[in-house]
Amino acid sequence: MFKNLRDLLQGTGKSKPDNRSDDLSLAEIASGDHADLSRWTTESLDGRRVDIFIPQSQTPPAGVVLFLHGHAGILLNENAVFSRLFQQHQLVAVCPDGGQSWWLDVACPAFDAEQSAQHWLRNSVVPLIERRFAVTPPKIALLGVSMGGQGVLQLAYRYPSDFPVVAAISPAVDFNQLYGSGIPLDSMFPNAEAARQATVVLNLQPLAWPRHQFFCCDPADIDWFDGVARLGMKLSSSGILHERDLETTGGGHAWDYFNRMAEKSIRHIADSLRKVY
């Protein structure tokens, strides 16, 4: 189990976009002039890094995407695929650095001894978005990969009226299986069972859920696919509406796959934001 754990923790997800000819839109994006990368700026919020993408436009943005990164801490300021899509759909993107906190509502000493990463998002990052762009929930969509993928699901399921639009790429749903690996997660819970009780699957609310949710996972993702599939089955059995893609493959748990699914995920966000008032 978790043969790819070393890659996950060391951030080998920095692989270049997959340019295979069977995905022309991705190939075109990856081979572009990357001018959209110049739209990124870096700020500091409470002493933490926040990268912000502002699309070039003569009109107000269509919405704001709050992106949560994975365990390796790779943000999107050097990613031409996501940047081009944010520009195409006229979306502001805000990408805070949450370290290895797992974006949970549980304090992570490596992040903050008292404040959880989820609390920081709601009480510092969201107000920053409101001040800078005059965009408030529910017009703030959630997007994440890996650790951040499960993080956005956690946030959306806990506060579905504030965050009804969410897209999770390769979410590390069963993060409890990493307990005991010597990562900051070990300091957040007394044991693996306590970590399991905090997972998304065990905290679904049948009567309160985000109305526009999408998640995907590569069938070749040997570490996380089973957990994502179980999430899909539980949602279906509970009658919770959602969209999922558990068939598209290409790269396993790496940026080749994350980039491949970027267009579908951001299109879901853009379309869903138009339905939210």
Protein backbone atom coordinates (compact mmCIF):
# COMPACT_ATOMS: atom_id res chain seq x y z
CA MET A 1 0.00 0.00 0.00
CA PHE A 2 1.16 3.56 -0.75
CA LYS A 3 4.03 2.63 -3.03
CA ASN A 4 3.89 6.21 -4.29
CA LEU A 5 4.11 7.76 -0.83
CA ARG A 6 7.69 8.94 -1.39
CA ASP A 7 6.66 10.68 -4.59
CA LEU A 8 3.65 12.25 -2.86
CA LEU A 9 5.70 13.65 0.01
CA GLN A 10 8.69 14.75 -2.06
CA GLY A 11 6.63 16.55 -4.68
CA THR A 12 7.53 14.69 -7.85
CA GLY A 13 4.20 16.02 -9.11
CA LYS A 14 6.22 18.79 -10.75
CA SER A 15 6.18 16.75 -13.93
CA LYS A 16 5.39 18.66 -17.12
CA PRO A 17 1.91 18.66 -18.64
CA ASP A 18 1.04 15.59 -20.67
CA ASN A 19 0.99 16.64 -24.35
CA ARG A 20 -0.34 13.47 -25.93
CA SER A 21 -2.11 14.10 -29.22
CA ASP A 22 -5.40 12.54 -28.06
CA ASP A 23 -6.04 15.68 -25.94
CA LEU A 24 -5.61 18.59 -28.30
CA SER A 25 -6.87 21.27 -25.92
CA LEU A 26 -4.31 20.31 -23.32
CA ALA A 27 -1.55 20.15 -25.91
CA GLU A 28 -2.44 23.60 -27.22
CA ILE A 29 -2.43 25.05 -23.73
CA ALA A 30 0.87 23.46 -22.76
CA SER A 31 2.59 24.63 -25.96
CA GLY A 32 1.38 28.23 -25.70
CA ASP A 33 3.48 31.28 -24.92
CA HIS A 34 2.64 31.06 -21.20
CA ALA A 35 1.88 34.79 -21.06
CA ASP A 36 -0.85 34.06 -18.52
CA LEU A 37 1.81 33.22 -15.94
CA SER A 38 2.56 36.94 -15.70
CA ARG A 39 -0.88 37.46 -14.18
CA TRP A 40 0.24 35.90 -10.87
CA THR A 41 1.30 37.92 -7.85
CA THR A 42 2.46 36.80 -4.41
CA GLU A 43 1.29 38.34 -1.17
CA SER A 44 1.67 37.65 2.53
CA LEU A 45 -1.30 37.01 4.79
CA ASP A 46 -0.68 36.42 8.49
CA GLY A 47 2.89 35.64 7.56
CA ARG A 48 1.85 33.00 5.03
CA ARG A 49 2.24 33.02 1.28
CA VAL A 50 -0.79 33.57 -0.91
CA ASP A 51 -0.52 33.51 -4.72
CA ILE A 52 -3.22 35.36 -6.65
CA PHE A 53 -4.14 35.15 -10.34
CA ILE A 54 -6.10 38.08 -11.77
CA PRO A 55 -7.30 37.54 -15.34
CA GLN A 56 -6.81 40.25 -17.94
CA SER A 57 -10.26 41.71 -18.50
CA GLN A 58 -12.23 44.91 -18.92
CA THR A 59 -15.08 43.54 -16.80
CA PRO A 60 -15.35 42.17 -13.25
CA PRO A 61 -14.26 38.53 -12.84
CA ALA A 62 -16.81 35.77 -13.22
CA GLY A 63 -15.93 34.50 -9.78
CA VAL A 64 -13.10 33.49 -7.48
CA VAL A 65 -11.50 30.07 -7.18
CA LEU A 66 -9.92 29.17 -3.85
CA PHE A 67 -7.29 26.54 -4.67
CA LEU A 68 -5.88 24.20 -2.00
CA HIS A 69 -2.57 22.53 -2.80
CA GLY A 70 -1.38 19.00 -2.11
CA HIS A 71 1.06 17.67 0.49
CA ALA A 72 4.09 18.69 -1.59
CA GLY A 73 2.96 22.33 -1.43
CA ILE A 74 3.00 22.96 -5.18
CA LEU A 75 0.97 26.06 -6.04
CA LEU A 76 -0.19 27.11 -9.52
CA ASN A 77 1.89 30.20 -10.26
CA GLU A 78 4.15 28.21 -12.61
CA ASN A 79 1.39 26.06 -14.10
CA ALA A 80 0.52 27.20 -17.63
CA VAL A 81 -2.43 24.79 -17.95
CA PHE A 82 -4.40 26.05 -14.96
CA SER A 83 -3.37 29.66 -15.60
CA ARG A 84 -4.66 29.61 -19.16
CA LEU A 85 -7.96 28.14 -18.00
CA PHE A 86 -8.39 30.76 -15.29
CA GLN A 87 -7.83 33.42 -17.95
CA GLN A 88 -10.17 31.71 -20.42
CA HIS A 89 -13.02 31.53 -17.89
CA GLN A 90 -12.27 34.95 -16.36
CA LEU A 91 -11.71 33.56 -12.89
CA VAL A 92 -9.59 35.00 -10.13
CA ALA A 93 -7.59 32.28 -8.37
CA VAL A 94 -6.37 32.54 -4.78
CA CYS A 95 -3.84 29.92 -3.71
CA PRO A 96 -2.80 30.02 -0.03
CA ASP A 97 0.08 28.03 1.41
CA GLY A 98 -1.22 25.72 4.11
CA GLY A 99 1.91 23.67 4.60
CA GLN A 100 1.16 20.02 5.43
CA SER A 101 -1.89 20.79 7.53
CA TRP A 102 -4.27 18.61 5.48
CA TRP A 103 -6.62 21.62 5.47
CA LEU A 104 -8.57 20.10 8.34
CA ASP A 105 -10.46 21.68 11.22
CA VAL A 106 -7.83 20.17 13.51
CA ALA A 107 -4.81 22.11 14.72
CA CYS A 108 -1.54 21.08 13.06
CA PRO A 109 1.46 22.20 15.17
CA ALA A 110 3.56 22.53 12.01
CA PHE A 111 0.99 25.03 10.70
CA ASP A 112 -0.23 26.74 13.86
CA ALA A 113 -0.31 25.53 17.45
CA GLU A 114 -3.87 26.77 18.01
CA GLN A 115 -5.62 27.74 14.78
CA SER A 116 -6.57 25.04 12.31
CA ALA A 117 -5.93 25.54 8.60
CA GLN A 118 -9.65 25.35 7.90
CA HIS A 119 -10.31 28.09 10.48
CA TRP A 120 -7.62 30.23 8.83
CA LEU A 121 -9.25 29.80 5.43
CA ARG A 122 -12.63 30.95 6.67
CA ASN A 123 -11.42 33.74 8.94
CA SER A 124 -8.45 35.16 7.02
CA VAL A 125 -8.40 33.98 3.39
CA VAL A 126 -12.11 34.41 2.63
CA PRO A 127 -12.13 37.95 4.12
CA LEU A 128 -9.09 38.76 1.97
CA ILE A 129 -11.06 37.71 -1.11
CA GLU A 130 -14.03 39.80 0.00
CA ARG A 131 -11.87 42.90 0.53
CA ARG A 132 -9.85 42.60 -2.65
CA PHE A 133 -12.48 41.48 -5.14
CA ALA A 134 -15.87 42.24 -3.55
CA VAL A 135 -16.75 38.57 -4.03
CA THR A 136 -18.40 36.75 -1.17
CA PRO A 137 -19.70 33.21 -0.63
CA PRO A 138 -21.35 31.49 -2.41
CA LYS A 139 -19.47 33.00 -5.38
CA ILE A 140 -16.19 31.57 -4.08
CA ALA A 141 -15.62 28.15 -5.66
CA LEU A 142 -13.30 25.52 -4.22
CA LEU A 143 -10.66 23.58 -6.17
CA GLY A 144 -7.97 21.26 -4.88
CA VAL A 145 -5.63 18.41 -5.73
CA SER A 146 -4.59 15.44 -3.58
CA MET A 147 -4.39 16.63 0.06
CA GLY A 148 -6.08 19.82 -1.09
CA GLY A 149 -8.72 17.81 -2.94
CA GLN A 150 -9.92 16.23 0.26
CA GLY A 151 -9.51 19.62 1.92
CA VAL A 152 -12.00 21.32 -0.40
CA LEU A 153 -14.47 18.48 0.08
CA GLN A 154 -14.14 18.84 3.85
CA LEU A 155 -14.81 22.56 3.61
CA ALA A 156 -17.71 22.22 1.17
CA TYR A 157 -19.43 19.46 3.15
CA ARG A 158 -19.06 21.37 6.42
CA TYR A 159 -20.29 24.67 4.95
CA PRO A 160 -22.37 23.76 1.88
CA SER A 161 -24.36 27.00 1.77
CA ASP A 162 -21.16 29.05 1.70
CA PHE A 163 -19.32 26.78 -0.73
CA PRO A 164 -21.84 25.07 -3.02
CA VAL A 165 -19.33 24.84 -5.90
CA VAL A 166 -16.41 22.45 -5.46
CA ALA A 167 -14.09 20.41 -7.68
CA ALA A 168 -11.60 17.90 -6.27
CA ILE A 169 -8.89 16.26 -8.38
CA SER A 170 -7.46 13.02 -6.96
CA PRO A 171 -8.62 13.81 -3.42
CA ALA A 172 -6.69 11.92 -0.74
CA VAL A 173 -9.91 10.83 0.93
CA ASP A 174 -8.47 8.04 3.09
CA PHE A 175 -5.65 10.17 4.52
CA ASN A 176 -5.87 8.17 7.76
CA GLN A 177 -3.90 5.43 6.00
CA LEU A 178 -0.85 7.71 6.12
CA TYR A 179 -0.96 7.91 9.90
CA GLY A 180 2.33 6.74 11.36
CA SER A 181 4.37 7.77 8.32
CA GLY A 182 6.31 10.41 10.20
CA ILE A 183 4.50 13.38 8.65
CA PRO A 184 2.75 16.25 10.51
CA LEU A 185 -0.51 14.28 10.33
CA ASP A 186 0.83 12.12 13.17
CA SER A 187 0.77 15.09 15.55
CA MET A 188 -2.83 15.97 14.71
CA PHE A 189 -4.47 12.78 15.93
CA PRO A 190 -3.77 10.34 18.79
CA ASN A 191 -4.14 7.31 16.53
CA ALA A 192 -5.17 6.14 13.06
CA GLU A 193 -8.78 5.53 14.10
CA ALA A 194 -9.16 9.13 15.28
CA ALA A 195 -7.82 10.24 11.90
CA ARG A 196 -10.29 7.95 10.11
CA GLN A 197 -13.17 9.51 12.01
CA ALA A 198 -12.20 12.88 10.50
CA THR A 199 -12.30 11.70 6.87
CA VAL A 200 -14.82 13.03 4.38
CA VAL A 201 -16.70 9.75 3.98
CA LEU A 202 -17.54 9.59 7.68
CA ASN A 203 -18.68 13.19 7.87
CA LEU A 204 -21.27 13.42 5.12
CA GLN A 205 -24.49 15.24 5.95
CA PRO A 206 -27.36 13.74 3.90
CA LEU A 207 -29.46 16.90 4.32
CA ALA A 208 -26.68 19.45 3.80
CA TRP A 209 -24.29 19.08 0.91
CA PRO A 210 -22.75 21.26 -1.83
CA ARG A 211 -25.13 21.44 -4.78
CA HIS A 212 -22.44 21.57 -7.47
CA GLN A 213 -19.72 19.07 -6.68
CA PHE A 214 -17.33 17.25 -8.99
CA PHE A 215 -14.45 14.95 -8.21
CA CYS A 216 -12.22 12.65 -10.21
CA CYS A 217 -9.44 10.13 -9.73
CA ASP A 218 -7.26 8.15 -12.10
CA PRO A 219 -7.99 4.39 -11.94
CA ALA A 220 -4.19 4.00 -12.05
CA ASP A 221 -3.88 5.93 -8.79
CA ILE A 222 -3.09 2.91 -6.62
CA ASP A 223 -2.99 4.89 -3.37
CA TRP A 224 -6.19 6.93 -3.46
CA PHE A 225 -8.59 5.51 -6.05
CA ASP A 226 -10.38 3.07 -3.73
CA GLY A 227 -11.22 5.80 -1.23
CA VAL A 228 -12.57 8.10 -3.92
CA ALA A 229 -14.64 5.26 -5.35
CA ARG A 230 -16.11 4.56 -1.90
CA LEU A 231 -17.00 8.22 -1.56
CA GLY A 232 -18.84 8.07 -4.87
CA MET A 233 -20.75 4.97 -3.81
CA LYS A 234 -21.77 6.51 -0.49
CA LEU A 235 -22.97 9.68 -2.18
CA SER A 236 -25.01 7.65 -4.65
CA SER A 237 -26.52 5.44 -1.95
CA SER A 238 -27.42 8.54 0.07
CA GLY A 239 -29.09 10.19 -2.92
CA ILE A 240 -26.63 13.07 -2.94
CA LEU A 241 -26.29 14.59 -6.39
CA HIS A 242 -22.76 14.93 -7.72
CA GLU A 243 -20.61 14.52 -10.82
CA ARG A 244 -17.58 12.25 -10.93
CA ASP A 245 -15.05 10.88 -13.37
CA LEU A 246 -13.42 7.65 -12.25
CA GLU A 247 -12.67 6.41 -15.76
CA THR A 248 -10.26 8.90 -17.36
CA THR A 249 -6.68 7.76 -16.91
CA GLY A 250 -3.28 9.25 -17.58
CA GLY A 251 -0.44 9.60 -15.13
CA GLY A 252 -1.71 8.18 -11.86
CA HIS A 253 -1.28 10.48 -8.85
CA ALA A 254 0.82 13.14 -10.55
CA TRP A 255 0.54 16.46 -12.34
CA ASP A 256 0.20 14.76 -15.70
CA TYR A 257 -3.23 13.64 -14.51
CA PHE A 258 -4.03 16.81 -12.53
CA ASN A 259 -3.36 18.92 -15.63
CA ARG A 260 -5.36 16.54 -17.80
CA MET A 261 -8.39 17.01 -15.57
CA ALA A 262 -7.96 20.77 -15.14
CA GLU A 263 -10.18 21.73 -18.08
CA LYS A 264 -13.07 19.54 -16.94
CA SER A 265 -12.77 20.71 -13.35
CA ILE A 266 -12.59 24.42 -14.12
CA ARG A 267 -15.37 24.18 -16.68
CA HIS A 268 -17.51 22.60 -13.94
CA ILE A 269 -16.65 25.52 -11.67
CA ALA A 270 -17.37 28.19 -14.30
CA ASP A 271 -20.69 26.62 -15.31
CA SER A 272 -21.74 26.12 -11.70
CA LEU A 273 -20.89 29.66 -10.62
CA ARG A 274 -23.30 30.97 -13.25
CA LYS A 275 -26.08 29.05 -11.46
CA VAL A 276 -25.26 30.42 -8.02
CA TYR A 277 -26.86 33.67 -6.83
